[in-house]
Amino acid sequence: MSGSPSEEKSRQRRIAVLLIVMILLADQIVKYLVKSNMYLGEQIRITDWFYILFVENNGMAFGMEIFGKLFLSLFRIVAIAFFVWYLVRIINKGGYPTGYIVCVSCVIAGAAGNLVDCILYGQIFSQSGYGTGGVASLVPFGDGYAPVFFGKVVDMFYFPLWTWPEWIPLLGGKIFFSPVFNVADSCITCAMIVIILFYAKCLNEGLGKEKSKNGE
């Protein structure tokens, strides 16, 4: 039997908080291990179509760079604040599927994971470089390679699924999927795809007027 509306809201709050914390921890643990043990460009072959490849970027998900670094960092803060407000709002309203709550939580956790890189990594890590001497190390706070908000995002997951045949115009010889990404990127992307495919109505309702009791 399902619990009362207040019990369901409490359950969804616990799920959201736990999920955000777990994703943040997983994202930061993987990034720390890569940043502190690999040099830029180093790769570890897992299979022919999956590599751990250490790269850093100034931009958004999958290495995209839009506007300046400071703008992107501030944009992340605004986006996280909005999604936290939105998550609290829809949980308090009630009536939203737990799967939708999970998706919104994943977006928050992913954005927060990359924001940690921007705020802290430039303060606590030395500069990563190429070659065996380029492995970064922890330094006293403030002695790192970049000011606050200017740290680089650590990426590592690379899936060169296949290479297009040379005879295909424009695509010939290019890798089908070339972006390198991290745990945070994948959480944001997967969550947004699921929202668009399965929870578009919930998104519209959450951003619109409050639902009436009969759902109209």
N, C-alpha and C. Protein backbone atom coordinates (compact mmCIF):
# COMPACT_ATOMS: atom_id res chain seq x y z
N MET A 1 0.85 -1.19 0.00
CA MET A 1 0.00 0.00 0.00
C MET A 1 0.89 1.25 0.00
N SER A 2 0.42 2.27 -0.73
CA SER A 2 1.18 3.52 -0.77
C SER A 2 0.89 4.33 0.48
N GLY A 3 1.84 5.13 0.92
CA GLY A 3 1.67 5.93 2.12
C GLY A 3 0.88 7.19 1.85
N SER A 4 0.75 8.01 2.88
CA SER A 4 0.04 9.27 2.76
C SER A 4 0.86 10.24 1.91
N PRO A 5 0.22 11.33 1.42
CA PRO A 5 0.96 12.31 0.62
C PRO A 5 2.18 12.87 1.35
N SER A 6 2.06 13.11 2.65
CA SER A 6 3.19 13.64 3.40
C SER A 6 4.33 12.63 3.49
N GLU A 7 3.99 11.34 3.64
CA GLU A 7 5.01 10.30 3.67
C GLU A 7 5.71 10.16 2.32
N GLU A 8 4.93 10.30 1.25
CA GLU A 8 5.51 10.21 -0.08
C GLU A 8 6.46 11.38 -0.34
N LYS A 9 6.08 12.57 0.11
CA LYS A 9 6.96 13.72 -0.04
C LYS A 9 8.27 13.53 0.74
N SER A 10 8.16 13.01 1.95
CA SER A 10 9.36 12.76 2.75
C SER A 10 10.25 11.72 2.09
N ARG A 11 9.63 10.70 1.51
CA ARG A 11 10.40 9.67 0.83
C ARG A 11 11.13 10.25 -0.37
N GLN A 12 10.45 11.08 -1.13
CA GLN A 12 11.07 11.68 -2.30
C GLN A 12 12.19 12.64 -1.91
N ARG A 13 12.03 13.34 -0.80
CA ARG A 13 13.11 14.22 -0.33
C ARG A 13 14.35 13.41 0.02
N ARG A 14 14.14 12.30 0.72
CA ARG A 14 15.28 11.46 1.09
C ARG A 14 15.98 10.90 -0.15
N ILE A 15 15.17 10.46 -1.11
CA ILE A 15 15.74 9.92 -2.35
C ILE A 15 16.56 10.99 -3.06
N ALA A 16 16.02 12.20 -3.17
CA ALA A 16 16.70 13.28 -3.88
C ALA A 16 18.03 13.63 -3.21
N VAL A 17 18.01 13.78 -1.90
CA VAL A 17 19.24 14.15 -1.18
C VAL A 17 20.28 13.05 -1.29
N LEU A 18 19.85 11.81 -1.08
CA LEU A 18 20.78 10.68 -1.13
C LEU A 18 21.39 10.54 -2.52
N LEU A 19 20.56 10.68 -3.54
CA LEU A 19 21.05 10.53 -4.91
C LEU A 19 22.05 11.63 -5.27
N ILE A 20 21.74 12.87 -4.91
CA ILE A 20 22.65 13.98 -5.20
C ILE A 20 23.99 13.77 -4.52
N VAL A 21 23.96 13.37 -3.25
CA VAL A 21 25.20 13.14 -2.51
C VAL A 21 26.01 12.00 -3.13
N MET A 22 25.33 10.91 -3.47
CA MET A 22 26.03 9.74 -4.04
C MET A 22 26.66 10.06 -5.39
N ILE A 23 25.92 10.79 -6.24
CA ILE A 23 26.47 11.15 -7.56
C ILE A 23 27.65 12.09 -7.41
N LEU A 24 27.53 13.07 -6.51
CA LEU A 24 28.63 14.00 -6.28
C LEU A 24 29.88 13.26 -5.80
N LEU A 25 29.70 12.34 -4.87
CA LEU A 25 30.83 11.58 -4.36
C LEU A 25 31.47 10.74 -5.47
N ALA A 26 30.64 10.02 -6.24
CA ALA A 26 31.16 9.20 -7.31
C ALA A 26 31.91 10.04 -8.34
N ASP A 27 31.32 11.17 -8.72
CA ASP A 27 31.94 12.06 -9.70
C ASP A 27 33.29 12.57 -9.22
N GLN A 28 33.35 13.01 -7.98
CA GLN A 28 34.58 13.59 -7.46
C GLN A 28 35.65 12.53 -7.18
N ILE A 29 35.25 11.36 -6.76
CA ILE A 29 36.22 10.28 -6.54
C ILE A 29 36.89 9.90 -7.86
N VAL A 30 36.09 9.72 -8.91
CA VAL A 30 36.66 9.36 -10.21
C VAL A 30 37.57 10.47 -10.71
N LYS A 31 37.13 11.71 -10.59
CA LYS A 31 37.95 12.84 -11.06
C LYS A 31 39.26 12.95 -10.28
N TYR A 32 39.19 12.76 -8.97
CA TYR A 32 40.40 12.83 -8.16
C TYR A 32 41.40 11.75 -8.56
N LEU A 33 40.90 10.53 -8.76
CA LEU A 33 41.79 9.43 -9.14
C LEU A 33 42.45 9.70 -10.49
N VAL A 34 41.70 10.24 -11.42
CA VAL A 34 42.27 10.54 -12.74
C VAL A 34 43.24 11.70 -12.64
N LYS A 35 42.82 12.78 -12.00
CA LYS A 35 43.64 13.99 -11.91
C LYS A 35 44.96 13.74 -11.20
N SER A 36 44.94 12.93 -10.17
CA SER A 36 46.13 12.73 -9.34
C SER A 36 46.98 11.54 -9.76
N ASN A 37 46.55 10.82 -10.80
CA ASN A 37 47.32 9.63 -11.21
C ASN A 37 47.64 9.58 -12.70
N MET A 38 47.09 10.48 -13.48
CA MET A 38 47.29 10.44 -14.92
C MET A 38 47.75 11.81 -15.43
N TYR A 39 48.54 11.79 -16.49
CA TYR A 39 48.92 13.05 -17.13
C TYR A 39 47.97 13.32 -18.30
N LEU A 40 47.93 14.56 -18.74
CA LEU A 40 47.03 14.94 -19.83
C LEU A 40 47.31 14.11 -21.08
N GLY A 41 46.25 13.59 -21.66
CA GLY A 41 46.38 12.78 -22.86
C GLY A 41 46.64 11.32 -22.61
N GLU A 42 46.95 10.95 -21.37
CA GLU A 42 47.17 9.54 -21.06
C GLU A 42 45.87 8.77 -21.19
N GLN A 43 45.95 7.58 -21.71
CA GLN A 43 44.76 6.77 -21.87
C GLN A 43 44.98 5.34 -21.41
N ILE A 44 43.91 4.77 -20.89
CA ILE A 44 43.91 3.38 -20.44
C ILE A 44 42.84 2.65 -21.24
N ARG A 45 43.27 1.64 -21.98
CA ARG A 45 42.33 0.89 -22.80
C ARG A 45 41.55 -0.10 -21.95
N ILE A 46 40.24 0.01 -21.97
CA ILE A 46 39.37 -0.95 -21.29
C ILE A 46 38.90 -1.99 -22.31
N THR A 47 38.37 -1.51 -23.43
CA THR A 47 38.03 -2.35 -24.58
C THR A 47 38.38 -1.54 -25.83
N ASP A 48 38.13 -2.11 -27.00
CA ASP A 48 38.39 -1.39 -28.24
C ASP A 48 37.50 -0.15 -28.37
N TRP A 49 36.37 -0.16 -27.68
CA TRP A 49 35.42 0.95 -27.82
C TRP A 49 35.25 1.76 -26.53
N PHE A 50 36.09 1.52 -25.53
CA PHE A 50 35.99 2.26 -24.27
C PHE A 50 37.38 2.48 -23.71
N TYR A 51 37.73 3.76 -23.51
CA TYR A 51 39.01 4.14 -22.94
C TYR A 51 38.81 5.10 -21.78
N ILE A 52 39.72 5.08 -20.83
CA ILE A 52 39.85 6.15 -19.85
C ILE A 52 40.91 7.10 -20.42
N LEU A 53 40.50 8.28 -20.80
CA LEU A 53 41.37 9.25 -21.45
C LEU A 53 41.29 10.57 -20.69
N PHE A 54 42.40 11.01 -20.11
CA PHE A 54 42.40 12.22 -19.29
C PHE A 54 42.54 13.47 -20.14
N VAL A 55 41.47 14.27 -20.11
CA VAL A 55 41.51 15.59 -20.74
C VAL A 55 40.88 16.59 -19.77
N GLU A 56 41.16 17.85 -19.98
CA GLU A 56 40.54 18.92 -19.21
C GLU A 56 39.93 19.92 -20.17
N ASN A 57 38.86 20.57 -19.74
CA ASN A 57 38.24 21.57 -20.59
C ASN A 57 37.71 22.73 -19.76
N ASN A 58 37.53 23.86 -20.42
CA ASN A 58 37.01 25.06 -19.77
C ASN A 58 35.50 25.19 -19.91
N GLY A 59 34.92 24.29 -20.70
CA GLY A 59 33.55 24.52 -21.10
C GLY A 59 32.50 23.72 -20.37
N MET A 60 31.43 23.46 -21.09
CA MET A 60 30.28 22.77 -20.53
C MET A 60 30.41 21.27 -20.81
N ALA A 61 29.27 20.58 -20.79
CA ALA A 61 29.30 19.13 -20.97
C ALA A 61 29.94 18.74 -22.29
N PHE A 62 30.70 17.64 -22.28
CA PHE A 62 31.35 17.06 -23.45
C PHE A 62 32.38 18.00 -24.06
N GLY A 63 32.92 18.91 -23.23
CA GLY A 63 34.01 19.75 -23.68
C GLY A 63 33.60 20.96 -24.50
N MET A 64 32.31 21.22 -24.65
CA MET A 64 31.87 22.39 -25.41
C MET A 64 32.29 23.66 -24.69
N GLU A 65 32.75 24.65 -25.44
CA GLU A 65 33.17 25.91 -24.86
C GLU A 65 32.31 27.03 -25.41
N ILE A 66 31.55 27.67 -24.54
CA ILE A 66 30.64 28.75 -24.93
C ILE A 66 30.91 29.94 -24.03
N PHE A 67 31.17 31.11 -24.61
CA PHE A 67 31.49 32.32 -23.85
C PHE A 67 32.75 32.10 -23.02
N GLY A 68 32.91 32.88 -21.95
CA GLY A 68 34.11 32.78 -21.15
C GLY A 68 33.96 31.85 -19.97
N LYS A 69 35.10 31.54 -19.35
CA LYS A 69 35.12 30.62 -18.22
C LYS A 69 34.33 31.15 -17.04
N LEU A 70 34.51 32.43 -16.70
CA LEU A 70 33.79 33.00 -15.57
C LEU A 70 32.29 32.96 -15.80
N PHE A 71 31.88 33.28 -17.03
CA PHE A 71 30.45 33.23 -17.36
C PHE A 71 29.89 31.83 -17.14
N LEU A 72 30.62 30.81 -17.58
CA LEU A 72 30.16 29.44 -17.45
C LEU A 72 30.03 29.03 -15.98
N SER A 73 31.00 29.46 -15.17
CA SER A 73 30.95 29.12 -13.75
C SER A 73 29.75 29.78 -13.07
N LEU A 74 29.53 31.05 -13.38
CA LEU A 74 28.39 31.76 -12.80
C LEU A 74 27.07 31.19 -13.33
N PHE A 75 27.07 30.80 -14.59
CA PHE A 75 25.87 30.19 -15.17
C PHE A 75 25.53 28.90 -14.44
N ARG A 76 26.55 28.11 -14.12
CA ARG A 76 26.30 26.87 -13.38
C ARG A 76 25.67 27.15 -12.03
N ILE A 77 26.15 28.18 -11.35
CA ILE A 77 25.59 28.52 -10.04
C ILE A 77 24.12 28.89 -10.16
N VAL A 78 23.80 29.72 -11.14
CA VAL A 78 22.41 30.14 -11.36
C VAL A 78 21.55 28.92 -11.72
N ALA A 79 22.07 28.05 -12.59
CA ALA A 79 21.32 26.88 -13.01
C ALA A 79 21.05 25.94 -11.83
N ILE A 80 22.07 25.73 -11.01
CA ILE A 80 21.90 24.85 -9.84
C ILE A 80 20.87 25.44 -8.89
N ALA A 81 20.95 26.75 -8.64
CA ALA A 81 19.98 27.40 -7.74
C ALA A 81 18.56 27.24 -8.27
N PHE A 82 18.40 27.40 -9.59
CA PHE A 82 17.07 27.25 -10.18
C PHE A 82 16.55 25.83 -10.02
N PHE A 83 17.39 24.84 -10.34
CA PHE A 83 16.93 23.46 -10.27
C PHE A 83 16.68 23.01 -8.83
N VAL A 84 17.45 23.53 -7.87
CA VAL A 84 17.18 23.20 -6.47
C VAL A 84 15.82 23.78 -6.07
N TRP A 85 15.59 25.04 -6.43
CA TRP A 85 14.27 25.66 -6.16
C TRP A 85 13.16 24.85 -6.81
N TYR A 86 13.39 24.46 -8.05
CA TYR A 86 12.37 23.70 -8.79
C TYR A 86 12.11 22.35 -8.14
N LEU A 87 13.17 21.66 -7.72
CA LEU A 87 13.02 20.36 -7.08
C LEU A 87 12.23 20.47 -5.78
N VAL A 88 12.58 21.45 -4.97
CA VAL A 88 11.86 21.66 -3.71
C VAL A 88 10.38 21.95 -4.00
N ARG A 89 10.15 22.74 -5.01
CA ARG A 89 8.79 23.15 -5.36
C ARG A 89 7.93 21.95 -5.77
N ILE A 90 8.44 21.11 -6.65
CA ILE A 90 7.62 20.00 -7.13
C ILE A 90 7.43 18.93 -6.07
N ILE A 91 8.43 18.76 -5.19
CA ILE A 91 8.24 17.79 -4.10
C ILE A 91 7.19 18.30 -3.13
N ASN A 92 7.25 19.59 -2.80
CA ASN A 92 6.27 20.15 -1.88
C ASN A 92 4.86 20.15 -2.46
N LYS A 93 4.75 20.33 -3.78
CA LYS A 93 3.44 20.28 -4.42
C LYS A 93 2.87 18.87 -4.38
N GLY A 94 3.73 17.90 -4.56
CA GLY A 94 3.30 16.51 -4.54
C GLY A 94 2.66 16.08 -5.85
N GLY A 95 2.51 14.79 -6.02
CA GLY A 95 1.85 14.25 -7.18
C GLY A 95 2.76 13.96 -8.36
N TYR A 96 4.07 14.21 -8.21
CA TYR A 96 5.00 13.96 -9.30
C TYR A 96 5.65 12.59 -9.13
N PRO A 97 5.86 11.86 -10.23
CA PRO A 97 6.46 10.53 -10.14
C PRO A 97 7.87 10.59 -9.54
N THR A 98 8.21 9.57 -8.78
CA THR A 98 9.55 9.52 -8.19
C THR A 98 10.63 9.49 -9.28
N GLY A 99 10.32 8.85 -10.41
CA GLY A 99 11.28 8.84 -11.51
C GLY A 99 11.63 10.23 -11.99
N TYR A 100 10.66 11.12 -11.99
CA TYR A 100 10.91 12.50 -12.40
C TYR A 100 11.77 13.22 -11.36
N ILE A 101 11.50 12.95 -10.09
CA ILE A 101 12.31 13.53 -9.02
C ILE A 101 13.76 13.07 -9.15
N VAL A 102 13.94 11.80 -9.49
CA VAL A 102 15.29 11.25 -9.69
C VAL A 102 15.99 11.98 -10.82
N CYS A 103 15.30 12.21 -11.93
CA CYS A 103 15.91 12.89 -13.08
C CYS A 103 16.35 14.30 -12.73
N VAL A 104 15.48 15.07 -12.07
CA VAL A 104 15.84 16.43 -11.69
C VAL A 104 17.02 16.43 -10.72
N SER A 105 17.04 15.47 -9.82
CA SER A 105 18.15 15.34 -8.87
C SER A 105 19.46 15.06 -9.60
N CYS A 106 19.40 14.24 -10.65
CA CYS A 106 20.60 13.93 -11.43
C CYS A 106 21.14 15.17 -12.14
N VAL A 107 20.24 16.01 -12.64
CA VAL A 107 20.67 17.25 -13.29
C VAL A 107 21.39 18.15 -12.28
N ILE A 108 20.82 18.28 -11.08
CA ILE A 108 21.43 19.11 -10.04
C ILE A 108 22.81 18.56 -9.66
N ALA A 109 22.87 17.25 -9.44
CA ALA A 109 24.14 16.64 -9.03
C ALA A 109 25.20 16.79 -10.12
N GLY A 110 24.81 16.61 -11.37
CA GLY A 110 25.76 16.74 -12.46
C GLY A 110 26.31 18.15 -12.59
N ALA A 111 25.42 19.14 -12.52
CA ALA A 111 25.86 20.53 -12.61
C ALA A 111 26.75 20.89 -11.43
N ALA A 112 26.38 20.40 -10.24
CA ALA A 112 27.19 20.69 -9.04
C ALA A 112 28.56 20.02 -9.13
N GLY A 113 28.61 18.82 -9.70
CA GLY A 113 29.88 18.11 -9.82
C GLY A 113 30.89 18.88 -10.66
N ASN A 114 30.45 19.42 -11.79
CA ASN A 114 31.35 20.20 -12.63
C ASN A 114 31.67 21.56 -12.02
N LEU A 115 30.73 22.10 -11.23
CA LEU A 115 31.00 23.38 -10.56
C LEU A 115 32.11 23.22 -9.51
N VAL A 116 32.15 22.08 -8.84
CA VAL A 116 33.22 21.83 -7.87
C VAL A 116 34.58 21.93 -8.55
N ASP A 117 34.69 21.37 -9.74
CA ASP A 117 35.96 21.47 -10.49
C ASP A 117 36.34 22.93 -10.72
N CYS A 118 35.36 23.71 -11.16
CA CYS A 118 35.63 25.12 -11.49
C CYS A 118 36.04 25.92 -10.27
N ILE A 119 35.40 25.67 -9.14
CA ILE A 119 35.65 26.46 -7.93
C ILE A 119 36.91 26.00 -7.20
N LEU A 120 37.08 24.68 -7.05
CA LEU A 120 38.12 24.16 -6.16
C LEU A 120 39.38 23.67 -6.84
N TYR A 121 39.26 23.05 -8.00
CA TYR A 121 40.42 22.35 -8.56
C TYR A 121 41.59 23.29 -8.85
N GLY A 122 41.28 24.50 -9.30
CA GLY A 122 42.36 25.46 -9.55
C GLY A 122 43.03 25.93 -8.29
N GLN A 123 42.38 25.72 -7.14
CA GLN A 123 42.91 26.15 -5.85
C GLN A 123 43.70 25.06 -5.13
N ILE A 124 43.37 23.80 -5.38
CA ILE A 124 43.96 22.72 -4.59
C ILE A 124 44.87 21.78 -5.38
N PHE A 125 44.92 21.93 -6.71
CA PHE A 125 45.77 21.06 -7.54
C PHE A 125 46.83 21.88 -8.26
N SER A 126 47.99 21.26 -8.49
CA SER A 126 48.98 21.85 -9.39
C SER A 126 48.51 21.62 -10.83
N GLN A 127 49.17 22.29 -11.75
CA GLN A 127 48.79 22.19 -13.16
C GLN A 127 49.10 20.81 -13.73
N SER A 128 48.13 20.22 -14.40
CA SER A 128 48.38 18.97 -15.11
C SER A 128 49.10 19.28 -16.41
N GLY A 129 49.97 18.36 -16.83
CA GLY A 129 50.71 18.55 -18.07
C GLY A 129 50.80 17.26 -18.85
N TYR A 130 51.49 17.33 -19.97
CA TYR A 130 51.65 16.15 -20.82
C TYR A 130 52.94 15.42 -20.46
N GLY A 131 52.94 14.12 -20.64
CA GLY A 131 54.12 13.32 -20.32
C GLY A 131 54.11 12.85 -18.88
N THR A 132 55.02 11.97 -18.55
CA THR A 132 55.03 11.34 -17.22
C THR A 132 55.23 12.33 -16.09
N GLY A 133 55.83 13.48 -16.39
CA GLY A 133 56.01 14.48 -15.33
C GLY A 133 54.85 15.42 -15.18
N GLY A 134 53.77 15.16 -15.90
CA GLY A 134 52.63 16.07 -15.89
C GLY A 134 51.51 15.68 -14.95
N VAL A 135 51.74 14.72 -14.08
CA VAL A 135 50.69 14.31 -13.13
C VAL A 135 50.54 15.37 -12.05
N ALA A 136 49.33 15.84 -11.82
CA ALA A 136 49.08 16.88 -10.84
C ALA A 136 49.12 16.33 -9.42
N SER A 137 49.33 17.22 -8.47
CA SER A 137 49.33 16.83 -7.06
C SER A 137 48.57 17.87 -6.26
N LEU A 138 48.13 17.45 -5.07
CA LEU A 138 47.46 18.39 -4.18
C LEU A 138 48.46 19.41 -3.64
N VAL A 139 48.01 20.66 -3.52
CA VAL A 139 48.85 21.73 -2.98
C VAL A 139 48.06 22.44 -1.89
N PRO A 140 48.72 23.24 -1.05
CA PRO A 140 47.98 24.02 -0.06
C PRO A 140 46.92 24.88 -0.72
N PHE A 141 45.79 25.04 -0.05
CA PHE A 141 44.67 25.78 -0.63
C PHE A 141 45.11 27.18 -1.04
N GLY A 142 44.79 27.54 -2.28
CA GLY A 142 45.15 28.85 -2.81
C GLY A 142 46.44 28.86 -3.61
N ASP A 143 47.21 27.77 -3.56
CA ASP A 143 48.48 27.70 -4.29
C ASP A 143 48.35 26.92 -5.60
N GLY A 144 47.13 26.69 -6.05
CA GLY A 144 46.92 25.89 -7.25
C GLY A 144 47.16 26.65 -8.53
N TYR A 145 46.71 26.08 -9.63
CA TYR A 145 47.05 26.58 -10.96
C TYR A 145 46.11 27.67 -11.48
N ALA A 146 44.98 27.94 -10.78
CA ALA A 146 44.02 28.90 -11.32
C ALA A 146 43.22 29.55 -10.19
N PRO A 147 42.69 30.76 -10.41
CA PRO A 147 41.84 31.41 -9.41
C PRO A 147 40.52 30.67 -9.22
N VAL A 148 39.78 31.04 -8.19
CA VAL A 148 38.44 30.51 -7.97
C VAL A 148 37.57 30.78 -9.20
N PHE A 149 36.76 29.80 -9.58
CA PHE A 149 35.87 29.84 -10.75
C PHE A 149 36.59 29.58 -12.07
N PHE A 150 37.91 29.45 -12.04
CA PHE A 150 38.65 29.25 -13.28
C PHE A 150 39.31 27.87 -13.36
N GLY A 151 38.95 26.97 -12.46
CA GLY A 151 39.47 25.62 -12.54
C GLY A 151 38.93 24.89 -13.76
N LYS A 152 39.67 23.93 -14.25
CA LYS A 152 39.26 23.18 -15.44
C LYS A 152 38.49 21.92 -15.04
N VAL A 153 37.51 21.57 -15.86
CA VAL A 153 36.70 20.38 -15.61
C VAL A 153 37.46 19.14 -16.10
N VAL A 154 37.49 18.12 -15.27
CA VAL A 154 38.20 16.88 -15.59
C VAL A 154 37.25 15.91 -16.30
N ASP A 155 37.67 15.45 -17.47
CA ASP A 155 36.90 14.45 -18.23
C ASP A 155 37.75 13.21 -18.43
N MET A 156 37.07 12.07 -18.62
CA MET A 156 37.85 10.81 -18.73
C MET A 156 37.19 9.69 -19.52
N PHE A 157 35.90 9.71 -19.74
CA PHE A 157 35.25 8.59 -20.43
C PHE A 157 35.23 8.84 -21.94
N TYR A 158 35.79 7.91 -22.69
CA TYR A 158 35.92 8.06 -24.13
C TYR A 158 35.42 6.79 -24.81
N PHE A 159 34.44 6.94 -25.70
CA PHE A 159 33.83 5.79 -26.37
C PHE A 159 33.96 5.94 -27.89
N PRO A 160 35.12 5.59 -28.46
CA PRO A 160 35.26 5.62 -29.93
C PRO A 160 34.59 4.39 -30.53
N LEU A 161 33.28 4.44 -30.65
CA LEU A 161 32.51 3.25 -31.01
C LEU A 161 32.89 2.69 -32.37
N TRP A 162 33.06 3.57 -33.35
CA TRP A 162 33.54 3.11 -34.65
C TRP A 162 34.02 4.31 -35.47
N THR A 163 34.73 4.02 -36.54
CA THR A 163 35.20 5.06 -37.46
C THR A 163 34.43 4.94 -38.76
N TRP A 164 33.93 6.08 -39.25
CA TRP A 164 33.17 6.07 -40.49
C TRP A 164 34.07 5.67 -41.66
N PRO A 165 33.57 4.88 -42.61
CA PRO A 165 34.35 4.51 -43.80
C PRO A 165 34.81 5.76 -44.56
N GLU A 166 35.97 5.67 -45.16
CA GLU A 166 36.56 6.82 -45.85
C GLU A 166 35.70 7.33 -46.98
N TRP A 167 34.90 6.47 -47.59
CA TRP A 167 34.12 6.88 -48.77
C TRP A 167 32.89 7.71 -48.42
N ILE A 168 32.54 7.83 -47.15
CA ILE A 168 31.37 8.63 -46.78
C ILE A 168 31.74 10.11 -46.77
N PRO A 169 31.06 10.94 -47.55
CA PRO A 169 31.38 12.37 -47.61
C PRO A 169 31.30 13.03 -46.23
N LEU A 170 32.21 13.91 -45.95
CA LEU A 170 32.27 14.73 -44.73
C LEU A 170 32.62 13.91 -43.49
N LEU A 171 32.07 12.71 -43.37
CA LEU A 171 32.26 11.90 -42.15
C LEU A 171 33.38 10.88 -42.28
N GLY A 172 33.83 10.61 -43.50
CA GLY A 172 34.81 9.57 -43.73
C GLY A 172 36.07 9.72 -42.90
N GLY A 173 36.44 8.65 -42.19
CA GLY A 173 37.65 8.65 -41.37
C GLY A 173 37.47 9.23 -39.99
N LYS A 174 36.31 9.79 -39.71
CA LYS A 174 36.07 10.40 -38.41
C LYS A 174 35.43 9.39 -37.45
N ILE A 175 35.69 9.60 -36.16
CA ILE A 175 35.13 8.72 -35.14
C ILE A 175 33.67 9.08 -34.92
N PHE A 176 32.83 8.06 -34.77
CA PHE A 176 31.38 8.28 -34.63
C PHE A 176 31.06 9.14 -33.41
N PHE A 177 31.65 8.81 -32.27
CA PHE A 177 31.37 9.56 -31.03
C PHE A 177 32.70 9.92 -30.39
N SER A 178 33.11 11.17 -30.55
CA SER A 178 34.45 11.56 -30.11
C SER A 178 34.52 12.33 -28.79
N PRO A 179 33.41 12.89 -28.26
CA PRO A 179 33.54 13.66 -27.01
C PRO A 179 34.06 12.81 -25.86
N VAL A 180 34.81 13.43 -24.97
CA VAL A 180 35.26 12.82 -23.72
C VAL A 180 34.45 13.47 -22.61
N PHE A 181 33.91 12.68 -21.69
CA PHE A 181 33.00 13.22 -20.69
C PHE A 181 33.25 12.60 -19.34
N ASN A 182 32.48 13.02 -18.34
CA ASN A 182 32.66 12.52 -16.98
C ASN A 182 31.33 12.04 -16.40
N VAL A 183 31.35 11.64 -15.14
CA VAL A 183 30.13 11.15 -14.48
C VAL A 183 29.06 12.23 -14.47
N ALA A 184 29.45 13.46 -14.15
CA ALA A 184 28.49 14.57 -14.07
C ALA A 184 27.82 14.80 -15.41
N ASP A 185 28.61 14.83 -16.49
CA ASP A 185 28.05 15.03 -17.83
C ASP A 185 27.02 13.96 -18.17
N SER A 186 27.37 12.71 -17.89
CA SER A 186 26.47 11.62 -18.24
C SER A 186 25.17 11.69 -17.45
N CYS A 187 25.25 12.10 -16.18
CA CYS A 187 24.03 12.23 -15.38
C CYS A 187 23.10 13.30 -15.95
N ILE A 188 23.68 14.44 -16.31
CA ILE A 188 22.87 15.52 -16.88
C ILE A 188 22.23 15.08 -18.19
N THR A 189 23.04 14.50 -19.07
CA THR A 189 22.55 14.13 -20.39
C THR A 189 21.48 13.04 -20.33
N CYS A 190 21.76 11.99 -19.57
CA CYS A 190 20.78 10.89 -19.46
C CYS A 190 19.49 11.37 -18.82
N ALA A 191 19.59 12.19 -17.79
CA ALA A 191 18.40 12.70 -17.11
C ALA A 191 17.56 13.56 -18.05
N MET A 192 18.21 14.43 -18.81
CA MET A 192 17.46 15.30 -19.73
C MET A 192 16.80 14.49 -20.84
N ILE A 193 17.47 13.46 -21.33
CA ILE A 193 16.86 12.62 -22.36
C ILE A 193 15.62 11.92 -21.82
N VAL A 194 15.72 11.38 -20.60
CA VAL A 194 14.57 10.70 -19.99
C VAL A 194 13.43 11.68 -19.74
N ILE A 195 13.75 12.90 -19.29
CA ILE A 195 12.71 13.90 -19.06
C ILE A 195 11.99 14.23 -20.36
N ILE A 196 12.74 14.45 -21.43
CA ILE A 196 12.13 14.81 -22.71
C ILE A 196 11.26 13.67 -23.24
N LEU A 197 11.75 12.43 -23.09
CA LEU A 197 11.02 11.30 -23.65
C LEU A 197 9.82 10.88 -22.82
N PHE A 198 9.94 10.96 -21.49
CA PHE A 198 8.91 10.37 -20.63
C PHE A 198 8.23 11.33 -19.66
N TYR A 199 8.87 12.48 -19.40
CA TYR A 199 8.32 13.36 -18.36
C TYR A 199 8.11 14.78 -18.85
N ALA A 200 7.89 14.96 -20.15
CA ALA A 200 7.68 16.32 -20.68
C ALA A 200 6.45 16.98 -20.03
N LYS A 201 5.42 16.21 -19.80
CA LYS A 201 4.21 16.75 -19.17
C LYS A 201 4.51 17.22 -17.75
N CYS A 202 5.29 16.44 -17.02
CA CYS A 202 5.66 16.83 -15.66
C CYS A 202 6.47 18.12 -15.67
N LEU A 203 7.37 18.24 -16.64
CA LEU A 203 8.18 19.45 -16.75
C LEU A 203 7.31 20.66 -17.00
N ASN A 204 6.35 20.55 -17.90
CA ASN A 204 5.45 21.67 -18.19
C ASN A 204 4.60 22.03 -16.99
N GLU A 205 4.12 21.02 -16.29
CA GLU A 205 3.30 21.28 -15.11
C GLU A 205 4.12 21.92 -14.00
N GLY A 206 5.35 21.44 -13.83
CA GLY A 206 6.20 21.97 -12.77
C GLY A 206 6.58 23.42 -12.99
N LEU A 207 6.70 23.82 -14.25
CA LEU A 207 7.06 25.20 -14.57
C LEU A 207 5.85 26.10 -14.69
N GLY A 208 4.65 25.48 -14.80
CA GLY A 208 3.44 26.26 -14.99
C GLY A 208 2.67 26.47 -13.70
N LYS A 209 1.39 26.63 -13.86
CA LYS A 209 0.52 26.86 -12.70
C LYS A 209 0.39 25.58 -11.91
N GLU A 210 0.07 25.71 -10.62
CA GLU A 210 -0.11 24.54 -9.78
C GLU A 210 -1.28 23.72 -10.27
N LYS A 211 -1.09 22.40 -10.19
CA LYS A 211 -2.17 21.52 -10.63
C LYS A 211 -3.33 21.58 -9.65
N SER A 212 -4.52 21.45 -10.22
CA SER A 212 -5.67 21.37 -9.34
C SER A 212 -5.72 19.99 -8.75
N LYS A 213 -6.58 19.80 -7.79
CA LYS A 213 -6.64 18.52 -7.09
C LYS A 213 -7.05 17.38 -8.02
N ASN A 214 -7.85 17.72 -9.05
CA ASN A 214 -8.26 16.67 -9.97
C ASN A 214 -7.29 16.51 -11.12
N GLY A 215 -6.16 17.24 -11.08
CA GLY A 215 -5.13 17.08 -12.07
C GLY A 215 -5.35 17.85 -13.34
N GLU A 216 -6.37 18.71 -13.40
CA GLU A 216 -6.65 19.45 -14.61
C GLU A 216 -5.91 20.79 -14.59
